[in-house]
C-alpha atoms as a PDB file:
ATOM      1  CA  MET A   1       1.267 -17.381  12.157  1.00  0.00           C
ATOM      2  CA  LEU A   2      -0.916 -20.071  11.824  1.00  0.00           C
ATOM      3  CA  SER A   3       1.070 -22.965   9.892  1.00  0.00           C
ATOM      4  CA  ARG A   4      -1.520 -23.183   7.164  1.00  0.00           C
ATOM      5  CA  VAL A   5      -1.766 -19.561   6.584  1.00  0.00           C
ATOM      6  CA  ALA A   6       2.246 -19.740   6.333  1.00  0.00           C
ATOM      7  CA  ASN A   7       1.805 -22.215   3.739  1.00  0.00           C
ATOM      8  CA  SER A   8      -0.766 -20.164   1.259  1.00  0.00           C
ATOM      9  CA  LEU A   9       1.300 -16.788   1.433  1.00  0.00           C
ATOM     10  CA  TYR A  10       4.557 -19.095   0.584  1.00  0.00           C
ATOM     11  CA  TRP A  11       2.641 -20.678  -2.028  1.00  0.00           C
ATOM     12  CA  MET A  12       0.847 -17.927  -3.620  1.00  0.00           C
ATOM     13  CA  SER A  13       3.834 -16.043  -4.385  1.00  0.00           C
ATOM     14  CA  ARG A  14       5.665 -19.191  -5.320  1.00  0.00           C
ATOM     15  CA  TYR A  15       3.045 -19.636  -7.733  1.00  0.00           C
ATOM     16  CA  LEU A  16       2.920 -15.769  -9.267  1.00  0.00           C
ATOM     17  CA  GLU A  17       7.027 -16.009  -9.643  1.00  0.00           C
ATOM     18  CA  ARG A  18       5.987 -19.767 -11.691  1.00  0.00           C
ATOM     19  CA  ALA A  19       3.653 -18.150 -14.116  1.00  0.00           C
ATOM     20  CA  ASP A  20       5.286 -14.805 -14.838  1.00  0.00           C
ATOM     21  CA  ASN A  21       8.702 -16.459 -15.296  1.00  0.00           C
ATOM     22  CA  THR A  22       6.871 -19.350 -18.036  1.00  0.00           C
ATOM     23  CA  ALA A  23       5.501 -15.731 -19.557  1.00  0.00           C
ATOM     24  CA  ARG A  24       9.051 -14.631 -19.968  1.00  0.00           C
ATOM     25  CA  LEU A  25      10.133 -17.789 -21.415  1.00  0.00           C
ATOM     26  CA  VAL A  26       7.228 -18.335 -24.075  1.00  0.00           C
ATOM     27  CA  ASP A  27       6.996 -15.008 -25.293  1.00  0.00           C
ATOM     28  CA  VAL A  28      10.948 -14.726 -26.051  1.00  0.00           C
ATOM     29  CA  ASN A  29      11.130 -17.998 -27.250  1.00  0.00           C
ATOM     30  CA  LEU A  30       8.003 -16.786 -29.857  1.00  0.00           C
ATOM     31  CA  GLN A  31       9.819 -13.882 -30.804  1.00  0.00           C
ATOM     32  CA  LEU A  32      13.203 -15.561 -31.235  1.00  0.00           C
ATOM     33  CA  PHE A  33      11.724 -17.956 -33.488  1.00  0.00           C
ATOM     34  CA  LEU A  34      10.556 -15.207 -36.221  1.00  0.00           C
ATOM     35  CA  ASP A  35      14.415 -14.865 -36.984  1.00  0.00           C
ATOM     36  CA  PHE A  36      14.406 -18.430 -38.018  1.00  0.00           C
ATOM     37  CA  ARG A  37      11.702 -19.126 -40.534  1.00  0.00           C
ATOM     38  CA  SER A  38      14.051 -21.053 -42.295  1.00  0.00           C
ATOM     39  CA  LEU A  39      14.087 -23.830 -40.254  1.00  0.00           C
ATOM     40  CA  ASP A  40      12.093 -27.087 -41.108  1.00  0.00           C
ATOM     41  CA  ASP A  41       9.380 -28.501 -38.662  1.00  0.00           C
ATOM     42  CA  ARG A  42      11.515 -31.188 -37.081  1.00  0.00           C
ATOM     43  CA  ALA A  43      14.343 -27.879 -36.369  1.00  0.00           C
ATOM     44  CA  LEU A  44      11.522 -25.993 -34.919  1.00  0.00           C
ATOM     45  CA  ALA A  45      10.479 -29.360 -33.215  1.00  0.00           C
ATOM     46  CA  ASP A  46      14.037 -29.679 -31.640  1.00  0.00           C
ATOM     47  CA  ARG A  47      13.870 -25.806 -30.418  1.00  0.00           C
ATOM     48  CA  TRP A  48      10.822 -26.125 -28.367  1.00  0.00           C
ATOM     49  CA  ILE A  49      10.726 -29.470 -26.620  1.00  0.00           C
ATOM     50  CA  PRO A  50      13.804 -27.905 -24.571  1.00  0.00           C
ATOM     51  CA  ILE A  51      11.354 -25.855 -23.658  1.00  0.00           C
ATOM     52  CA  VAL A  52       9.188 -28.656 -21.836  1.00  0.00           C
ATOM     53  CA  GLN A  53      12.220 -30.851 -20.394  1.00  0.00           C
ATOM     54  CA  SER A  54      12.996 -27.481 -18.644  1.00  0.00           C
ATOM     55  CA  ALA A  55       9.993 -27.654 -15.995  1.00  0.00           C
ATOM     56  CA  GLY A  56      10.172 -31.310 -16.264  1.00  0.00           C
ATOM     57  CA  ASP A  57       6.751 -32.212 -18.063  1.00  0.00           C
ATOM     58  CA  GLU A  58       7.642 -33.900 -21.212  1.00  0.00           C
ATOM     59  CA  THR A  59       5.825 -36.754 -20.211  1.00  0.00           C
ATOM     60  CA  LEU A  60       2.532 -35.037 -20.016  1.00  0.00           C
ATOM     61  CA  PHE A  61       3.204 -32.558 -22.873  1.00  0.00           C
ATOM     62  CA  ASN A  62       4.199 -36.336 -25.194  1.00  0.00           C
ATOM     63  CA  THR A  63       0.545 -37.948 -23.552  1.00  0.00           C
ATOM     64  CA  LEU A  64      -1.520 -34.719 -23.930  1.00  0.00           C
ATOM     65  CA  HIS A  65       0.068 -33.624 -27.444  1.00  0.00           C
ATOM     66  CA  GLY A  66       2.580 -36.143 -28.975  1.00  0.00           C
ATOM     67  CA  ARG A  67       4.184 -33.683 -31.067  1.00  0.00           C
ATOM     68  CA  ALA A  68       6.339 -30.511 -30.516  1.00  0.00           C
ATOM     69  CA  SER A  69       5.481 -27.117 -32.258  1.00  0.00           C
ATOM     70  CA  GLY A  70       5.313 -23.734 -31.294  1.00  0.00           C
ATOM     71  CA  ARG A  71       1.132 -23.884 -30.820  1.00  0.00           C
ATOM     72  CA  THR A  72       0.745 -26.933 -29.071  1.00  0.00           C
ATOM     73  CA  VAL A  73       3.772 -25.617 -26.523  1.00  0.00           C
ATOM     74  CA  THR A  74       1.994 -22.997 -26.121  1.00  0.00           C
ATOM     75  CA  GLU A  75      -1.315 -24.747 -25.568  1.00  0.00           C
ATOM     76  CA  PHE A  76       0.510 -26.566 -22.792  1.00  0.00           C
ATOM     77  CA  LEU A  77       2.715 -23.452 -21.143  1.00  0.00           C
ATOM     78  CA  VAL A  78      -0.374 -21.345 -20.764  1.00  0.00           C
ATOM     79  CA  PHE A  79      -4.152 -22.441 -20.813  1.00  0.00           C
ATOM     80  CA  GLN A  80      -3.089 -26.666 -20.519  1.00  0.00           C
ATOM     81  CA  PRO A  81      -5.689 -27.137 -17.689  1.00  0.00           C
ATOM     82  CA  GLU A  82      -4.048 -30.551 -16.617  1.00  0.00           C
ATOM     83  CA  ASN A  83      -0.196 -29.045 -17.034  1.00  0.00           C
ATOM     84  CA  HIS A  84       0.067 -27.365 -13.049  1.00  0.00           C
ATOM     85  CA  ASN A  85       2.698 -25.461 -14.243  1.00  0.00           C
ATOM     86  CA  SER A  86       1.169 -24.016 -16.913  1.00  0.00           C
ATOM     87  CA  ILE A  87      -0.077 -20.180 -16.610  1.00  0.00           C
ATOM     88  CA  LEU A  88      -3.249 -20.409 -16.115  1.00  0.00           C
ATOM     89  CA  ALA A  89      -2.907 -23.315 -13.194  1.00  0.00           C
ATOM     90  CA  ALA A  90      -0.344 -21.318 -11.492  1.00  0.00           C
ATOM     91  CA  VAL A  91      -2.336 -18.380 -11.781  1.00  0.00           C
ATOM     92  CA  THR A  92      -5.353 -20.242 -10.374  1.00  0.00           C
ATOM     93  CA  GLN A  93      -3.366 -21.720  -7.352  1.00  0.00           C
ATOM     94  CA  ALA A  94      -2.375 -18.556  -6.759  1.00  0.00           C
ATOM     95  CA  ARG A  95      -5.623 -16.434  -6.405  1.00  0.00           C
ATOM     96  CA  GLU A  96      -6.893 -19.610  -4.127  1.00  0.00           C
ATOM     97  CA  ASN A  97      -4.112 -19.838  -1.930  1.00  0.00           C
ATOM     98  CA  ALA A  98      -4.818 -15.898  -1.424  1.00  0.00           C
ATOM     99  CA  ARG A  99      -8.570 -16.437  -1.137  1.00  0.00           C
ATOM    100  CA  MET A 100      -7.756 -18.687   2.060  1.00  0.00           C
ATOM    101  CA  VAL A 101      -6.032 -16.387   3.988  1.00  0.00           C
ATOM    102  CA  ARG A 102      -7.486 -12.831   2.160  1.00  0.00           C
ATOM    103  CA  ASP A 103      -7.621 -11.258   5.355  1.00  0.00           C
ATOM    104  CA  GLN A 104      -3.439 -11.265   5.498  1.00  0.00           C
ATOM    105  CA  ILE A 105      -3.106  -9.599   2.160  1.00  0.00           C
ATOM    106  CA  THR A 106      -4.731  -5.924   1.043  1.00  0.00           C
ATOM    107  CA  ILE A 107      -6.614  -5.121  -1.059  1.00  0.00           C
ATOM    108  CA  GLU A 108      -5.008  -3.857  -3.853  1.00  0.00           C
ATOM    109  CA  VAL A 109      -2.880  -7.016  -3.890  1.00  0.00           C
ATOM    110  CA  TRP A 110      -6.014  -9.571  -4.302  1.00  0.00           C
ATOM    111  CA  GLU A 111      -7.816  -6.771  -6.292  1.00  0.00           C
ATOM    112  CA  GLU A 112      -5.533  -7.216  -9.021  1.00  0.00           C
ATOM    113  CA  LEU A 113      -4.669 -11.518  -8.521  1.00  0.00           C
ATOM    114  CA  ASN A 114      -8.381 -11.353  -9.391  1.00  0.00           C
ATOM    115  CA  ARG A 115      -8.398  -9.405 -12.115  1.00  0.00           C
ATOM    116  CA  LEU A 116      -5.330 -11.072 -13.466  1.00  0.00           C
ATOM    117  CA  TYR A 117      -7.068 -14.558 -13.075  1.00  0.00           C
ATOM    118  CA  LEU A 118     -10.938 -13.188 -14.502  1.00  0.00           C
ATOM    119  CA  PHE A 119      -8.907 -11.888 -18.125  1.00  0.00           C
ATOM    120  CA  LEU A 120      -7.081 -15.642 -18.409  1.00  0.00           C
ATOM    121  CA  ARG A 121     -10.658 -17.253 -17.922  1.00  0.00           C
ATOM    122  CA  SER A 122     -11.916 -14.642 -20.126  1.00  0.00           C
ATOM    123  CA  PRO A 123     -11.971 -15.441 -23.900  1.00  0.00           C
ATOM    124  CA  GLN A 124     -10.017 -12.572 -24.575  1.00  0.00           C
ATOM    125  CA  ALA A 125      -7.359 -13.609 -22.890  1.00  0.00           C
ATOM    126  CA  ARG A 126      -6.924 -16.415 -25.949  1.00  0.00           C
ATOM    127  CA  GLN A 127      -7.726 -14.350 -29.117  1.00  0.00           C
ATOM    128  CA  GLN A 128      -5.126 -11.732 -27.584  1.00  0.00           C
ATOM    129  CA  LEU A 129      -2.531 -15.043 -27.416  1.00  0.00           C
ATOM    130  CA  ASP A 130      -3.926 -15.306 -31.195  1.00  0.00           C
ATOM    131  CA  SER A 131      -3.975 -11.801 -32.412  1.00  0.00           C
ATOM    132  CA  SER A 132      -0.835 -10.492 -30.949  1.00  0.00           C
ATOM    133  CA  PRO A 133       1.958 -12.895 -28.454  1.00  0.00           C
ATOM    134  CA  VAL A 134       3.742  -9.852 -27.538  1.00  0.00           C
ATOM    135  CA  GLU A 135       0.497  -8.186 -26.189  1.00  0.00           C
ATOM    136  CA  PHE A 136      -0.271 -11.008 -24.001  1.00  0.00           C
ATOM    137  CA  PHE A 137       2.545 -12.017 -22.488  1.00  0.00           C
ATOM    138  CA  HIS A 138       3.316  -8.351 -21.688  1.00  0.00           C
ATOM    139  CA  GLU A 139       0.196  -8.229 -19.714  1.00  0.00           C
ATOM    140  CA  ILE A 140       1.388 -11.474 -17.513  1.00  0.00           C
ATOM    141  CA  LYS A 141       4.565 -10.233 -16.928  1.00  0.00           C
ATOM    142  CA  ALA A 142       3.109  -6.804 -16.053  1.00  0.00           C
ATOM    143  CA  SER A 143       0.621  -7.769 -13.920  1.00  0.00           C
ATOM    144  CA  SER A 144       3.096  -9.647 -11.978  1.00  0.00           C
ATOM    145  CA  LEU A 145       5.421  -6.769 -11.606  1.00  0.00           C
ATOM    146  CA  TYR A 146       2.943  -5.287 -10.281  1.00  0.00           C
ATOM    147  CA  LEU A 147       1.921  -7.643  -7.617  1.00  0.00           C
ATOM    148  CA  GLN A 148       5.613  -7.549  -6.581  1.00  0.00           C
ATOM    149  CA  GLY A 149       5.539  -3.911  -6.151  1.00  0.00           C
ATOM    150  CA  LEU A 150       1.984  -3.802  -4.783  1.00  0.00           C
ATOM    151  CA  THR A 151       3.350  -6.714  -1.904  1.00  0.00           C
ATOM    152  CA  ASN A 152       6.416  -4.372  -1.215  1.00  0.00           C
ATOM    153  CA  ALA A 153       4.282  -0.948  -0.714  1.00  0.00           C
ATOM    154  CA  THR A 154       1.743  -2.010   0.837  1.00  0.00           C
ATOM    155  CA  VAL A 155       1.761  -5.438   3.328  1.00  0.00           C
ATOM    156  CA  VAL A 156       3.101  -5.289   6.905  1.00  0.00           C
ATOM    157  CA  ARG A 157       6.623  -6.730   6.862  1.00  0.00           C
ATOM    158  CA  ASN A 158       5.611  -9.542   9.566  1.00  0.00           C
ATOM    159  CA  GLU A 159       5.658 -13.087   9.343  1.00  0.00           C
ATOM    160  CA  GLY A 160       3.173 -13.130   6.664  1.00  0.00           C
ATOM    161  CA  TRP A 161       5.321 -11.121   4.250  1.00  0.00           C
ATOM    162  CA  LEU A 162       9.035 -13.150   5.009  1.00  0.00           C
ATOM    163  CA  PHE A 163       7.312 -16.686   3.599  1.00  0.00           C
ATOM    164  CA  GLN A 164       5.960 -14.318   0.828  1.00  0.00           C
ATOM    165  CA  GLN A 165       9.458 -13.577  -0.135  1.00  0.00           C
ATOM    166  CA  ALA A 166      11.209 -16.892   0.694  1.00  0.00           C
ATOM    167  CA  GLY A 167       8.753 -18.184  -1.939  1.00  0.00           C
ATOM    168  CA  MET A 168       9.095 -15.761  -4.295  1.00  0.00           C
ATOM    169  CA  TYR A 169      13.172 -16.065  -4.642  1.00  0.00           C
ATOM    170  CA  LEU A 170      13.369 -20.205  -4.530  1.00  0.00           C
ATOM    171  CA  GLU A 171      11.000 -20.047  -7.214  1.00  0.00           C
ATOM    172  CA  ARG A 172      12.947 -17.736  -8.896  1.00  0.00           C
ATOM    173  CA  ALA A 173      16.266 -19.018  -8.304  1.00  0.00           C
ATOM    174  CA  ASP A 174      14.916 -22.402 -10.103  1.00  0.00           C
ATOM    175  CA  LYS A 175      13.480 -21.128 -13.094  1.00  0.00           C
ATOM    176  CA  THR A 176      16.413 -18.893 -13.648  1.00  0.00           C
ATOM    177  CA  SER A 177      18.499 -22.356 -13.308  1.00  0.00           C
ATOM    178  CA  ARG A 178      15.345 -24.186 -16.029  1.00  0.00           C
ATOM    179  CA  ILE A 179      15.820 -21.193 -17.869  1.00  0.00           C
ATOM    180  CA  LEU A 180      19.243 -21.560 -18.344  1.00  0.00           C
ATOM    181  CA  ASP A 181      19.295 -25.116 -18.540  1.00  0.00           C
ATOM    182  CA  VAL A 182      17.614 -25.117 -21.538  1.00  0.00           C
ATOM    183  CA  ARG A 183      20.357 -24.665 -23.918  1.00  0.00           C
ATOM    184  CA  HIS A 184      22.146 -27.144 -22.438  1.00  0.00           C
ATOM    185  CA  THR A 185      23.039 -29.525 -24.997  1.00  0.00           C
ATOM    186  CA  VAL A 186      25.073 -27.225 -27.002  1.00  0.00           C
ATOM    187  CA  PHE A 187      27.563 -27.414 -23.479  1.00  0.00           C
ATOM    188  CA  PRO A 188      30.141 -30.301 -23.696  1.00  0.00           C
ATOM    189  CA  ALA A 189      30.183 -32.343 -20.934  1.00  0.00           C
ATOM    190  CA  HIS A 190      33.033 -31.052 -19.421  1.00  0.00           C
ATOM    191  CA  GLY A 191      34.659 -27.820 -19.999  1.00  0.00           C
ATOM    192  CA  ALA A 192      33.785 -24.116 -21.013  1.00  0.00           C
ATOM    193  CA  PRO A 193      31.818 -24.100 -24.617  1.00  0.00           C
ATOM    194  CA  ALA A 194      33.445 -22.500 -27.398  1.00  0.00           C
ATOM    195  CA  PRO A 195      32.344 -19.156 -29.064  1.00  0.00           C
ATOM    196  CA  VAL A 196      29.173 -19.385 -31.074  1.00  0.00           C
ATOM    197  CA  ASN A 197      28.236 -17.338 -34.377  1.00  0.00           C
ATOM    198  CA  GLN A 198      25.692 -14.881 -34.977  1.00  0.00           C
ATOM    199  CA  ALA A 199      22.762 -17.487 -34.790  1.00  0.00           C
ATOM    200  CA  GLY A 200      23.889 -18.932 -31.610  1.00  0.00           C
ATOM    201  CA  ALA A 201      24.333 -15.842 -30.633  1.00  0.00           C
ATOM    202  CA  LEU A 202      20.915 -14.716 -30.503  1.00  0.00           C
ATOM    203  CA  GLU A 203      19.890 -17.626 -29.156  1.00  0.00           C
ATOM    204  CA  TRP A 204      21.839 -16.920 -26.108  1.00  0.00           C
ATOM    205  CA  ALA A 205      20.620 -12.903 -25.867  1.00  0.00           C
ATOM    206  CA  ALA A 206      17.333 -14.867 -25.866  1.00  0.00           C
ATOM    207  CA  VAL A 207      18.049 -16.421 -22.556  1.00  0.00           C
ATOM    208  CA  LEU A 208      19.199 -13.155 -22.060  1.00  0.00           C
ATOM    209  CA  ARG A 209      16.101 -11.840 -22.199  1.00  0.00           C
ATOM    210  CA  SER A 210      13.994 -14.583 -20.625  1.00  0.00           C
ATOM    211  CA  CYS A 211      15.602 -13.464 -17.596  1.00  0.00           C
ATOM    212  CA  SER A 212      15.038 -10.117 -17.859  1.00  0.00           C
ATOM    213  CA  ALA A 213      19.107  -9.842 -17.847  1.00  0.00           C
ATOM    214  CA  TRP A 214      19.889  -8.426 -21.458  1.00  0.00           C
ATOM    215  CA  ASP A 215      20.480  -4.927 -20.761  1.00  0.00           C
ATOM    216  CA  ALA A 216      22.128  -5.605 -17.140  1.00  0.00           C
ATOM    217  CA  TYR A 217      24.442  -8.192 -19.543  1.00  0.00           C
ATOM    218  CA  LYS A 218      25.106  -5.763 -21.522  1.00  0.00           C
ATOM    219  CA  SER A 219      26.487  -3.169 -18.670  1.00  0.00           C
ATOM    220  CA  MET A 220      28.978  -5.881 -18.007  1.00  0.00           C
ATOM    221  CA  HIS A 221      30.434  -7.990 -21.021  1.00  0.00           C
ATOM    222  CA  GLY A 222      28.783  -5.302 -23.631  1.00  0.00           C
ATOM    223  CA  ALA A 223      27.594  -6.986 -26.749  1.00  0.00           C
ATOM    224  CA  ASP A 224      29.454 -10.254 -27.185  1.00  0.00           C
ATOM    225  CA  VAL A 225      27.424 -12.952 -26.268  1.00  0.00           C
ATOM    226  CA  GLN A 226      29.333 -15.770 -24.939  1.00  0.00           C
ATOM    227  CA  PRO A 227      27.559 -18.391 -23.848  1.00  0.00           C
ATOM    228  CA  ALA A 228      30.155 -19.053 -20.787  1.00  0.00           C
ATOM    229  CA  LEU A 229      29.413 -15.275 -19.616  1.00  0.00           C
ATOM    230  CA  VAL A 230      26.113 -16.090 -19.939  1.00  0.00           C
ATOM    231  CA  ALA A 231      25.689 -19.307 -17.882  1.00  0.00           C
ATOM    232  CA  GLU A 232      28.351 -17.593 -15.547  1.00  0.00           C
ATOM    233  CA  TYR A 233      26.148 -13.963 -15.067  1.00  0.00           C
ATOM    234  CA  LEU A 234      22.509 -16.048 -14.497  1.00  0.00           C
ATOM    235  CA  LEU A 235      24.511 -18.151 -11.940  1.00  0.00           C
ATOM    236  CA  LEU A 236      26.933 -16.206  -9.741  1.00  0.00           C
ATOM    237  CA  SER A 237      26.226 -12.316 -10.289  1.00  0.00           C
ATOM    238  CA  PRO A 238      26.192 -10.879  -6.589  1.00  0.00           C
ATOM    239  CA  GLU A 239      24.132  -7.909  -7.942  1.00  0.00           C
ATOM    240  CA  PHE A 240      21.691  -9.462 -10.435  1.00  0.00           C
ATOM    241  CA  PRO A 241      18.491  -9.616  -8.903  1.00  0.00           C
ATOM    242  CA  ARG A 242      17.135 -12.876 -10.798  1.00  0.00           C
ATOM    243  CA  SER A 243      20.538 -14.609 -11.003  1.00  0.00           C
ATOM    244  CA  VAL A 244      20.585 -17.871  -9.010  1.00  0.00           C
ATOM    245  CA  ARG A 245      23.257 -16.458  -6.253  1.00  0.00           C
ATOM    246  CA  PHE A 246      21.449 -13.482  -5.532  1.00  0.00           C
ATOM    247  CA  CYS A 247      18.264 -14.905  -5.304  1.00  0.00           C
ATOM    248  CA  VAL A 248      19.756 -17.941  -2.616  1.00  0.00           C
ATOM    249  CA  GLN A 249      21.209 -15.147  -0.672  1.00  0.00           C
ATOM    250  CA  ALA A 250      17.769 -13.248  -0.381  1.00  0.00           C
ATOM    251  CA  LEU A 251      16.708 -16.249   0.620  1.00  0.00           C
ATOM    252  CA  ASN A 252      19.165 -16.915   2.886  1.00  0.00           C
ATOM    253  CA  ALA A 253      18.417 -13.803   4.640  1.00  0.00           C
ATOM    254  CA  THR A 254      14.297 -14.176   4.867  1.00  0.00           C
ATOM    255  CA  LEU A 255      14.452 -17.747   6.637  1.00  0.00           C
ATOM    256  CA  ARG A 256      16.831 -16.045   9.403  1.00  0.00           C
ATOM    257  CA  GLY A 257      14.619 -13.065   9.149  1.00  0.00           C
ATOM    258  CA  ILE A 258      11.476 -16.009  10.182  1.00  0.00           C
ATOM    259  CA  SER A 259      13.155 -17.302  12.824  1.00  0.00           C
ATOM    260  CA  GLY A 260      15.483 -14.432  14.098  1.00  0.00           C
ATOM    261  CA  SER A 261      19.148 -16.291  13.452  1.00  0.00           C
ATOM    262  CA  ALA A 262      22.128 -14.521  13.233  1.00  0.00           C
ATOM    263  CA  SER A 263      23.517 -14.920   9.870  1.00  0.00           C
ATOM    264  CA  ASP A 264      26.361 -17.372  10.755  1.00  0.00           C
ATOM    265  CA  ARG A 265      23.796 -19.622  13.252  1.00  0.00           C
ATOM    266  CA  PHE A 266      20.763 -21.429  11.734  1.00  0.00           C
ATOM    267  CA  ALA A 267      17.533 -22.810  13.682  1.00  0.00           C
ATOM    268  CA  ASN A 268      16.346 -25.688  11.202  1.00  0.00           C
ATOM    269  CA  ASP A 269      17.627 -27.691   8.444  1.00  0.00           C
ATOM    270  CA  ALA A 270      16.343 -24.919   5.747  1.00  0.00           C
ATOM    271  CA  GLU A 271      18.480 -22.563   6.982  1.00  0.00           C
ATOM    272  CA  ARG A 272      21.735 -24.909   7.589  1.00  0.00           C
ATOM    273  CA  LEU A 273      21.250 -26.053   3.762  1.00  0.00           C
ATOM    274  CA  SER A 274      20.174 -22.260   2.286  1.00  0.00           C
ATOM    275  CA  GLY A 275      23.249 -20.769   3.766  1.00  0.00           C
ATOM    276  CA  ARG A 276      25.349 -23.987   2.445  1.00  0.00           C
ATOM    277  CA  LEU A 277      24.277 -23.343  -1.103  1.00  0.00           C
ATOM    278  CA  LEU A 278      25.059 -19.370  -0.233  1.00  0.00           C
ATOM    279  CA  ALA A 279      28.567 -20.044   0.314  1.00  0.00           C
ATOM    280  CA  GLN A 280      29.289 -22.537  -2.143  1.00  0.00           C
ATOM    281  CA  LEU A 281      27.530 -20.091  -4.536  1.00  0.00           C
ATOM    282  CA  GLN A 282      29.627 -16.929  -3.016  1.00  0.00           C
ATOM    283  CA  PHE A 283      33.264 -19.247  -3.409  1.00  0.00           C
ATOM    284  CA  THR A 284      32.488 -21.075  -6.680  1.00  0.00           C
ATOM    285  CA  THR A 285      34.062 -19.623 -10.221  1.00  0.00           C
ATOM    286  CA  ALA A 286      33.390 -20.636 -13.611  1.00  0.00           C
ATOM    287  CA  ALA A 287      35.587 -23.180 -14.012  1.00  0.00           C
ATOM    288  CA  GLU A 288      34.632 -25.221 -11.331  1.00  0.00           C
ATOM    289  CA  ILE A 289      31.176 -25.613 -12.796  1.00  0.00           C
ATOM    290  CA  PHE A 290      32.552 -26.104 -16.080  1.00  0.00           C
ATOM    291  CA  GLY A 291      34.888 -28.591 -15.098  1.00  0.00           C
ATOM    292  CA  THR A 292      31.675 -30.627 -13.476  1.00  0.00           C
ATOM    293  CA  GLY A 293      29.664 -29.873 -16.619  1.00  0.00           C
ATOM    294  CA  LEU A 294      26.859 -27.005 -16.793  1.00  0.00           C
ATOM    295  CA  HIS A 295      24.270 -29.679 -16.828  1.00  0.00           C
ATOM    296  CA  ALA A 296      25.201 -31.945 -14.384  1.00  0.00           C
ATOM    297  CA  TYR A 297      25.336 -28.926 -12.139  1.00  0.00           C
ATOM    298  CA  ILE A 298      22.624 -27.444 -12.864  1.00  0.00           C
ATOM    299  CA  ASP A 299      20.462 -30.411 -12.035  1.00  0.00           C
ATOM    300  CA  GLU A 300      22.441 -30.799  -8.489  1.00  0.00           C
ATOM    301  CA  LEU A 301      21.257 -26.892  -8.096  1.00  0.00           C
ATOM    302  CA  GLN A 302      17.824 -27.893  -8.408  1.00  0.00           C
ATOM    303  CA  ALA A 303      17.710 -30.897  -6.375  1.00  0.00           C
ATOM    304  CA  ARG A 304      19.465 -28.461  -3.492  1.00  0.00           C
ATOM    305  CA  LEU A 305      17.081 -25.901  -3.970  1.00  0.00           C
ATOM    306  CA  ASN A 306      14.034 -28.380  -3.418  1.00  0.00           C
ATOM    307  CA  ALA A 307      15.893 -29.485  -0.907  1.00  0.00           C
ATOM    308  CA  ILE A 308      15.360 -25.965   0.837  1.00  0.00           C
ATOM    309  CA  GLY A 309      11.399 -25.762   0.154  1.00  0.00           C
ATOM    310  CA  GLU A 310      10.900 -29.634   1.488  1.00  0.00           C
ATOM    311  CA  ALA A 311      12.983 -28.484   4.792  1.00  0.00           C
ATOM    312  CA  LEU A 312      10.920 -24.651   5.061  1.00  0.00           C
ATOM    313  CA  PHE A 313       7.854 -27.439   5.202  1.00  0.00           C
ATOM    314  CA  GLN A 314       8.787 -29.631   7.959  1.00  0.00           C
ATOM    315  CA  ALA A 315      10.632 -26.549   9.560  1.00  0.00           C
ATOM    316  CA  TYR A 316       7.044 -24.218   9.818  1.00  0.00           C
ATOM    317  CA  ILE A 317       4.208 -26.092   7.608  1.00  0.00           C
ATOM    318  CA  PHE A 318       4.053 -29.549   8.235  1.00  0.00           C
ATOM    319  CA  GLN A 319       3.129 -30.075  12.280  1.00  0.00           C
ATOM    320  CA  PRO A 320       2.785 -33.721  13.802  1.00  0.00           C
ATOM    321  CA  PHE A 321      -0.362 -34.052  15.553  1.00  0.00           C
ATOM    322  CA  LEU A 322       0.602 -35.677  19.106  1.00  0.00           C
ATOM    323  CA  THR A 323      -1.765 -37.759  20.896  1.00  0.00           C
ATOM    324  CA  PRO A 324      -1.293 -37.200  24.746  1.00  0.00           C
ATOM    325  CA  ASP A 325      -0.515 -40.235  26.774  1.00  0.00           C
ATOM    326  CA  ASN A 326      -2.369 -41.360  29.109  1.00  0.00           C
ATOM    327  CA  GLY A 327      -0.063 -40.008  32.084  1.00  0.00           C
ATOM    328  CA  GLN A 328       0.138 -36.545  30.077  1.00  0.00           C
ATOM    329  CA  LEU A 329      -3.551 -36.434  30.372  1.00  0.00           C
ATOM    330  CA  GLN A 330      -3.833 -37.959  34.149  1.00  0.00           C
ATOM    331  CA  GLN A 331      -1.675 -35.114  35.122  1.00  0.00           C
ATOM    332  CA  GLN A 332      -3.607 -32.122  33.336  1.00  0.00           C
ATOM    333  CA  GLU A 333      -6.745 -34.084  34.899  1.00  0.00           C
ATOM    334  CA  GLU A 334      -4.926 -33.389  38.266  1.00  0.00           C
ATOM    335  CA  GLN A 335      -4.261 -29.971  37.559  1.00  0.00           C
ATOM    336  CA  GLN A 336      -7.886 -29.148  36.314  1.00  0.00           C
ATOM    337  CA  GLN A 337      -9.311 -30.886  39.903  1.00  0.00           C
ATOM    338  CA  GLN A 338      -6.864 -29.516  41.703  1.00  0.00           C
ATOM    339  CA  ARG A 339      -7.901 -25.677  40.287  1.00  0.00           C
ATOM    340  CA  ARG A 340     -11.568 -26.539  40.898  1.00  0.00           C
ATOM    341  CA  THR A 341     -10.790 -27.215  44.395  1.00  0.00           C
ATOM    342  CA  ALA A 342      -9.089 -23.484  44.170  1.00  0.00           C
ATOM    343  CA  ALA A 343     -12.028 -22.218  43.411  1.00  0.00           C
ATOM    344  CA  ALA A 344     -14.142 -23.897  45.764  1.00  0.00           C
ATOM    345  CA  VAL A 345     -12.393 -23.112  48.942  1.00  0.00           C
ATOM    346  CA  ARG A 346     -11.610 -19.109  47.798  1.00  0.00           C
ATOM    347  CA  ARG A 347     -16.169 -19.207  47.789  1.00  0.00           C
END
């Protein structure tokens, strides 16, 4: 497979996953803040700005808007063209990458991706966001899940499919950690957090809903929403498909599917780094994470995920252009001359 094709499929999948996670985060917080109508503007701003910070776009947001509110943050994360992590920008980039490798994806995937892109650029999208945010974000999330289903149901399981899976799981692991980090300010610098009151439980339930983890969490812990249990579940659960550990495990298997390496071997730095991170997640306890400090642990985790992405790029996408030296050119010329001589003798 050409490296440019692998790159386009990888980023198409990453951008779609990014749009889906942003929609989840904004949707749940908009609904959550309906329960906090008594808060003043300053208190609401203090709850909106961490969402922007979790994406690493606080400087850009302050330049464009300055003041955080439900309207400005929603605009920034949904439609702002200058924000490359906004839903519209992510879907636009996904569609552009898909267009460049149109022959590598199925007609069903292309039609749905194109439909989502045209919807977001239409006047109806803004009207629906203003009139019914729940329906708007449901449209984004439903389309993302539909695209994942179409990909799994119609795309051949070849290298292209594996690169799409790698992009999806790497992005999902990163975004799950960022969604959890939105609430890092309530955690102590070291040690597990204390139990929370009813208002705090509502906010932590919102974190779970942002990751579609509410029902799965309740099946294990019941309705007792405690920050320590939420953090442990979203980071270390081996069964929940959006936990960081689950995603890294799937990413590690996908990378080895691309190269054909055995599970206890590695062919490049991407596989080495993913295998090391997976082993750490498998044998790390929640107590060790809280001992380090949740925010510090998540910062390190995100850096390691970025390193895996960079190593994947170096291994498969970036191919340096090698100019043959004079000796190689002379050898090639001699070989060509020998072939011409042999052809003349046969004639």
